[in-house]
Every structure is written in structure tokens, then in C-alpha cells.
Amino acid sequence: MGKSWNDSAIFKQQLGLHFLYDNPSGPAGLKYDLIGIAGNWVESVVAGSRDEYNLEVFYRFPLFPSVDTRLSYQYVHHPALTREIDSASVFSLGLRTVF
């Protein structure tokens, strides 16, 4: 949960709920993998904007030692800063490294 005061950020309030499943079991033996689902609600400070909701599901797995790959899908309902569209879908592929 987050909140900004005096319109110091583009969003006035934000609430998120995330569920993560680390090292899921199964026949594939998905060691070091991570599956997640997240839901968010955002209230914008911009006049005339609407509340935004989104749902994201993702899967992260090791590609090489110290390099993870992340596949995700995000559904956005009522994007806050536009009234031109009612919903949007976002697919992404990302790489992450730690050292």
C-alpha cells in the first residue's frame, strides 16, 4: 500500500496484493523457478482520471547461472491517464542478473 501527499507523485494511492510460489514442485523439478500473480489498484492525482486496476501473472526461471528470464502478462482495466481505451494487455520478456 502506498500514498502520496500534496500531489507529489502521479498516483494518490496504490494498493497491491502479490502471491509468489518459489521453487514449484512437479514432474519437471522446477528448482529456482518462481511463479507469481499480482493485483493492483491505483488512484491518480490527475483531474478527470479514473481508478486503474491491473492483474499480472509471471514466470521467472534461470537461463544461465546468475541470469534469470521473466515472462509476464499484464491486463490493465481503465488506464488512469486516458479515456480513449478501456483496457490493455501487455506481454513482456525480461532478463535479470545478480552479482
N, C-alpha and C. Protein backbone atom coordinates (compact mmCIF):
# COMPACT_ATOMS: atom_id res chain seq x y z
N MET A 1 0.85 -1.17 0.00
CA MET A 1 0.00 0.00 0.00
C MET A 1 0.89 1.23 0.00
N GLY A 2 0.51 2.20 -0.78
CA GLY A 2 1.28 3.43 -0.85
C GLY A 2 0.36 4.64 -0.93
N LYS A 3 0.87 5.77 -0.50
CA LYS A 3 0.10 7.01 -0.52
C LYS A 3 1.07 8.16 -0.72
N SER A 4 0.66 9.13 -1.52
CA SER A 4 1.46 10.34 -1.68
C SER A 4 0.68 11.52 -1.13
N TRP A 5 1.39 12.52 -0.68
CA TRP A 5 0.77 13.72 -0.13
C TRP A 5 1.12 14.92 -1.00
N ASN A 6 0.24 15.90 -1.02
CA ASN A 6 0.45 17.16 -1.75
C ASN A 6 0.67 16.94 -3.24
N ASP A 7 0.04 15.92 -3.80
CA ASP A 7 0.18 15.61 -5.23
C ASP A 7 1.64 15.50 -5.66
N SER A 8 2.47 14.92 -4.80
CA SER A 8 3.90 14.82 -5.08
C SER A 8 4.24 13.70 -6.06
N ALA A 9 3.29 12.82 -6.36
CA ALA A 9 3.50 11.74 -7.32
C ALA A 9 2.30 11.68 -8.25
N ILE A 10 2.40 10.92 -9.31
CA ILE A 10 1.30 10.83 -10.28
C ILE A 10 0.12 10.04 -9.72
N PHE A 11 0.38 9.19 -8.71
CA PHE A 11 -0.69 8.42 -8.10
C PHE A 11 -0.91 8.87 -6.66
N LYS A 12 -2.15 9.05 -6.30
CA LYS A 12 -2.52 9.48 -4.95
C LYS A 12 -2.43 8.32 -3.96
N GLN A 13 -2.99 7.18 -4.35
CA GLN A 13 -2.97 5.98 -3.52
C GLN A 13 -2.77 4.76 -4.41
N GLN A 14 -2.16 3.73 -3.82
CA GLN A 14 -1.95 2.49 -4.55
C GLN A 14 -2.04 1.33 -3.57
N LEU A 15 -2.67 0.26 -4.01
CA LEU A 15 -2.79 -0.94 -3.20
C LEU A 15 -2.45 -2.13 -4.08
N GLY A 16 -1.56 -2.99 -3.61
CA GLY A 16 -1.17 -4.16 -4.37
C GLY A 16 -1.19 -5.41 -3.51
N LEU A 17 -1.52 -6.52 -4.13
CA LEU A 17 -1.54 -7.81 -3.46
C LEU A 17 -0.83 -8.80 -4.38
N HIS A 18 0.21 -9.46 -3.86
CA HIS A 18 1.02 -10.36 -4.66
C HIS A 18 1.12 -11.73 -4.00
N PHE A 19 1.03 -12.77 -4.81
CA PHE A 19 1.24 -14.14 -4.36
C PHE A 19 2.39 -14.73 -5.18
N LEU A 20 3.39 -15.28 -4.49
CA LEU A 20 4.56 -15.86 -5.15
C LEU A 20 4.70 -17.31 -4.74
N TYR A 21 5.05 -18.15 -5.69
CA TYR A 21 5.29 -19.57 -5.44
C TYR A 21 6.71 -19.87 -5.89
N ASP A 22 7.61 -19.99 -4.92
CA ASP A 22 9.03 -20.19 -5.18
C ASP A 22 9.35 -21.68 -5.25
N ASN A 23 10.17 -22.07 -6.20
CA ASN A 23 10.56 -23.47 -6.40
C ASN A 23 9.36 -24.40 -6.47
N PRO A 24 8.45 -24.18 -7.44
CA PRO A 24 7.27 -25.04 -7.52
C PRO A 24 7.66 -26.49 -7.77
N SER A 25 6.94 -27.38 -7.12
CA SER A 25 7.21 -28.80 -7.30
C SER A 25 6.48 -29.33 -8.52
N GLY A 26 6.84 -30.48 -8.94
CA GLY A 26 6.19 -31.09 -10.09
C GLY A 26 7.13 -32.02 -10.81
N PRO A 27 6.66 -32.66 -11.86
CA PRO A 27 7.48 -33.63 -12.58
C PRO A 27 8.70 -33.00 -13.26
N ALA A 28 8.62 -31.71 -13.58
CA ALA A 28 9.76 -31.05 -14.24
C ALA A 28 10.85 -30.67 -13.26
N GLY A 29 10.58 -30.70 -11.96
CA GLY A 29 11.58 -30.33 -10.96
C GLY A 29 12.05 -28.91 -11.13
N LEU A 30 11.15 -27.96 -11.03
CA LEU A 30 11.41 -26.56 -11.34
C LEU A 30 12.20 -25.85 -10.24
N LYS A 31 13.40 -26.29 -10.01
CA LYS A 31 14.23 -25.70 -8.98
C LYS A 31 14.68 -24.30 -9.42
N TYR A 32 14.61 -23.34 -8.52
CA TYR A 32 14.99 -21.94 -8.73
C TYR A 32 13.98 -21.17 -9.57
N ASP A 33 12.84 -21.74 -9.89
CA ASP A 33 11.81 -21.03 -10.65
C ASP A 33 10.89 -20.27 -9.69
N LEU A 34 10.15 -19.31 -10.24
CA LEU A 34 9.23 -18.52 -9.45
C LEU A 34 7.99 -18.23 -10.30
N ILE A 35 6.82 -18.50 -9.73
CA ILE A 35 5.55 -18.20 -10.39
C ILE A 35 4.84 -17.17 -9.52
N GLY A 36 4.25 -16.16 -10.15
CA GLY A 36 3.59 -15.13 -9.36
C GLY A 36 2.33 -14.60 -10.02
N ILE A 37 1.46 -14.04 -9.17
CA ILE A 37 0.26 -13.35 -9.63
C ILE A 37 0.13 -12.11 -8.75
N ALA A 38 -0.24 -11.01 -9.38
CA ALA A 38 -0.34 -9.74 -8.64
C ALA A 38 -1.57 -8.98 -9.10
N GLY A 39 -2.20 -8.29 -8.17
CA GLY A 39 -3.32 -7.40 -8.48
C GLY A 39 -3.04 -6.04 -7.87
N ASN A 40 -3.38 -4.98 -8.59
CA ASN A 40 -3.13 -3.62 -8.12
C ASN A 40 -4.32 -2.72 -8.39
N TRP A 41 -4.49 -1.75 -7.51
CA TRP A 41 -5.46 -0.68 -7.69
C TRP A 41 -4.72 0.63 -7.49
N VAL A 42 -5.00 1.61 -8.35
CA VAL A 42 -4.31 2.89 -8.29
C VAL A 42 -5.32 4.02 -8.45
N GLU A 43 -5.19 5.05 -7.61
CA GLU A 43 -5.98 6.27 -7.74
C GLU A 43 -5.03 7.39 -8.14
N SER A 44 -5.30 8.03 -9.26
CA SER A 44 -4.43 9.06 -9.81
C SER A 44 -4.75 10.44 -9.22
N VAL A 45 -3.76 11.32 -9.21
CA VAL A 45 -3.98 12.70 -8.76
C VAL A 45 -4.43 13.60 -9.91
N VAL A 46 -4.34 13.12 -11.12
CA VAL A 46 -4.68 13.91 -12.30
C VAL A 46 -6.19 14.13 -12.36
N ALA A 47 -6.59 15.38 -12.52
CA ALA A 47 -8.03 15.71 -12.58
C ALA A 47 -8.68 15.00 -13.77
N GLY A 48 -9.85 14.42 -13.55
CA GLY A 48 -10.59 13.74 -14.61
C GLY A 48 -10.13 12.31 -14.87
N SER A 49 -9.13 11.86 -14.15
CA SER A 49 -8.67 10.48 -14.37
C SER A 49 -9.59 9.51 -13.62
N ARG A 50 -9.42 8.25 -13.89
CA ARG A 50 -10.25 7.23 -13.24
C ARG A 50 -9.35 6.25 -12.50
N ASP A 51 -9.95 5.46 -11.65
CA ASP A 51 -9.19 4.43 -10.93
C ASP A 51 -8.70 3.37 -11.92
N GLU A 52 -7.48 2.94 -11.75
CA GLU A 52 -6.88 1.93 -12.62
C GLU A 52 -6.73 0.63 -11.84
N TYR A 53 -7.00 -0.48 -12.52
CA TYR A 53 -6.85 -1.81 -11.94
C TYR A 53 -5.98 -2.63 -12.89
N ASN A 54 -5.13 -3.48 -12.34
CA ASN A 54 -4.39 -4.38 -13.22
C ASN A 54 -4.14 -5.71 -12.54
N LEU A 55 -3.96 -6.71 -13.37
CA LEU A 55 -3.68 -8.07 -12.94
C LEU A 55 -2.48 -8.55 -13.74
N GLU A 56 -1.50 -9.13 -13.06
CA GLU A 56 -0.29 -9.61 -13.73
C GLU A 56 0.00 -11.04 -13.30
N VAL A 57 0.39 -11.87 -14.25
CA VAL A 57 0.90 -13.21 -13.97
C VAL A 57 2.28 -13.31 -14.61
N PHE A 58 3.20 -13.97 -13.91
CA PHE A 58 4.54 -14.09 -14.47
C PHE A 58 5.19 -15.40 -14.07
N TYR A 59 6.22 -15.73 -14.82
CA TYR A 59 7.01 -16.94 -14.58
C TYR A 59 8.48 -16.56 -14.76
N ARG A 60 9.28 -16.78 -13.74
CA ARG A 60 10.72 -16.48 -13.81
C ARG A 60 11.51 -17.76 -13.66
N PHE A 61 12.50 -17.95 -14.50
CA PHE A 61 13.31 -19.16 -14.47
C PHE A 61 14.75 -18.84 -14.85
N PRO A 62 15.72 -19.65 -14.38
CA PRO A 62 17.12 -19.40 -14.72
C PRO A 62 17.41 -19.77 -16.17
N LEU A 63 18.09 -18.88 -16.86
CA LEU A 63 18.52 -19.13 -18.23
C LEU A 63 19.97 -19.61 -18.22
N PHE A 64 20.79 -18.93 -17.47
CA PHE A 64 22.19 -19.27 -17.23
C PHE A 64 22.46 -19.04 -15.74
N PRO A 65 23.57 -19.52 -15.22
CA PRO A 65 23.90 -19.17 -13.84
C PRO A 65 23.95 -17.64 -13.69
N SER A 66 23.27 -17.10 -12.71
CA SER A 66 23.20 -15.66 -12.40
C SER A 66 22.39 -14.85 -13.41
N VAL A 67 21.67 -15.49 -14.34
CA VAL A 67 20.81 -14.77 -15.28
C VAL A 67 19.43 -15.46 -15.29
N ASP A 68 18.42 -14.69 -14.91
CA ASP A 68 17.04 -15.20 -14.92
C ASP A 68 16.25 -14.56 -16.05
N THR A 69 15.32 -15.32 -16.58
CA THR A 69 14.40 -14.84 -17.62
C THR A 69 13.01 -14.72 -17.00
N ARG A 70 12.30 -13.67 -17.36
CA ARG A 70 10.95 -13.47 -16.82
C ARG A 70 9.98 -13.24 -17.97
N LEU A 71 8.94 -14.07 -18.03
CA LEU A 71 7.85 -13.91 -18.98
C LEU A 71 6.64 -13.43 -18.20
N SER A 72 5.95 -12.41 -18.70
CA SER A 72 4.79 -11.93 -17.95
C SER A 72 3.69 -11.43 -18.89
N TYR A 73 2.48 -11.46 -18.33
CA TYR A 73 1.30 -10.93 -18.99
C TYR A 73 0.61 -10.01 -17.99
N GLN A 74 0.23 -8.83 -18.43
CA GLN A 74 -0.46 -7.88 -17.56
C GLN A 74 -1.71 -7.37 -18.27
N TYR A 75 -2.82 -7.40 -17.55
CA TYR A 75 -4.08 -6.86 -18.04
C TYR A 75 -4.38 -5.58 -17.25
N VAL A 76 -4.59 -4.48 -17.96
CA VAL A 76 -4.87 -3.20 -17.33
C VAL A 76 -6.31 -2.80 -17.66
N HIS A 77 -7.11 -2.57 -16.63
CA HIS A 77 -8.51 -2.17 -16.79
C HIS A 77 -8.63 -0.70 -16.40
N HIS A 78 -9.22 0.08 -17.28
CA HIS A 78 -9.37 1.53 -17.09
C HIS A 78 -8.03 2.22 -16.85
N PRO A 79 -7.16 2.27 -17.85
CA PRO A 79 -5.90 3.01 -17.66
C PRO A 79 -6.21 4.43 -17.15
N ALA A 80 -5.53 4.82 -16.09
CA ALA A 80 -5.88 6.05 -15.37
C ALA A 80 -5.75 7.32 -16.20
N LEU A 81 -4.76 7.40 -17.05
CA LEU A 81 -4.47 8.67 -17.71
C LEU A 81 -5.04 8.79 -19.11
N THR A 82 -5.92 7.89 -19.50
CA THR A 82 -6.59 8.00 -20.80
C THR A 82 -8.01 7.47 -20.70
N ARG A 83 -8.89 8.08 -21.44
CA ARG A 83 -10.25 7.56 -21.56
C ARG A 83 -10.49 7.03 -22.97
N GLU A 84 -9.46 7.01 -23.77
CA GLU A 84 -9.55 6.53 -25.15
C GLU A 84 -9.72 5.01 -25.22
N ILE A 85 -9.18 4.29 -24.26
CA ILE A 85 -9.29 2.83 -24.24
C ILE A 85 -9.77 2.39 -22.86
N ASP A 86 -10.48 1.28 -22.83
CA ASP A 86 -10.99 0.76 -21.56
C ASP A 86 -10.10 -0.32 -20.96
N SER A 87 -9.30 -0.97 -21.80
CA SER A 87 -8.41 -2.00 -21.28
C SER A 87 -7.22 -2.18 -22.22
N ALA A 88 -6.16 -2.76 -21.66
CA ALA A 88 -4.96 -3.01 -22.45
C ALA A 88 -4.30 -4.29 -21.95
N SER A 89 -3.61 -4.96 -22.84
CA SER A 89 -2.83 -6.15 -22.50
C SER A 89 -1.37 -5.87 -22.78
N VAL A 90 -0.51 -6.33 -21.88
CA VAL A 90 0.92 -6.11 -22.02
C VAL A 90 1.62 -7.45 -21.83
N PHE A 91 2.44 -7.82 -22.80
CA PHE A 91 3.27 -9.01 -22.71
C PHE A 91 4.71 -8.54 -22.59
N SER A 92 5.50 -9.17 -21.74
CA SER A 92 6.89 -8.74 -21.62
C SER A 92 7.82 -9.92 -21.41
N LEU A 93 9.04 -9.71 -21.80
CA LEU A 93 10.14 -10.65 -21.62
C LEU A 93 11.28 -9.85 -21.03
N GLY A 94 11.81 -10.32 -19.91
CA GLY A 94 12.89 -9.57 -19.26
C GLY A 94 14.01 -10.48 -18.80
N LEU A 95 15.18 -9.90 -18.65
CA LEU A 95 16.34 -10.61 -18.13
C LEU A 95 16.78 -9.93 -16.84
N ARG A 96 17.24 -10.71 -15.89
CA ARG A 96 17.68 -10.19 -14.60
C ARG A 96 18.97 -10.89 -14.21
N THR A 97 19.90 -10.12 -13.73
CA THR A 97 21.15 -10.70 -13.26
C THR A 97 21.46 -10.19 -11.85
N VAL A 98 22.11 -11.01 -11.09
CA VAL A 98 22.56 -10.64 -9.75
C VAL A 98 24.03 -11.01 -9.63
N PHE A 99 24.75 -10.17 -8.93
CA PHE A 99 26.18 -10.45 -8.73
C PHE A 99 26.65 -9.84 -7.44
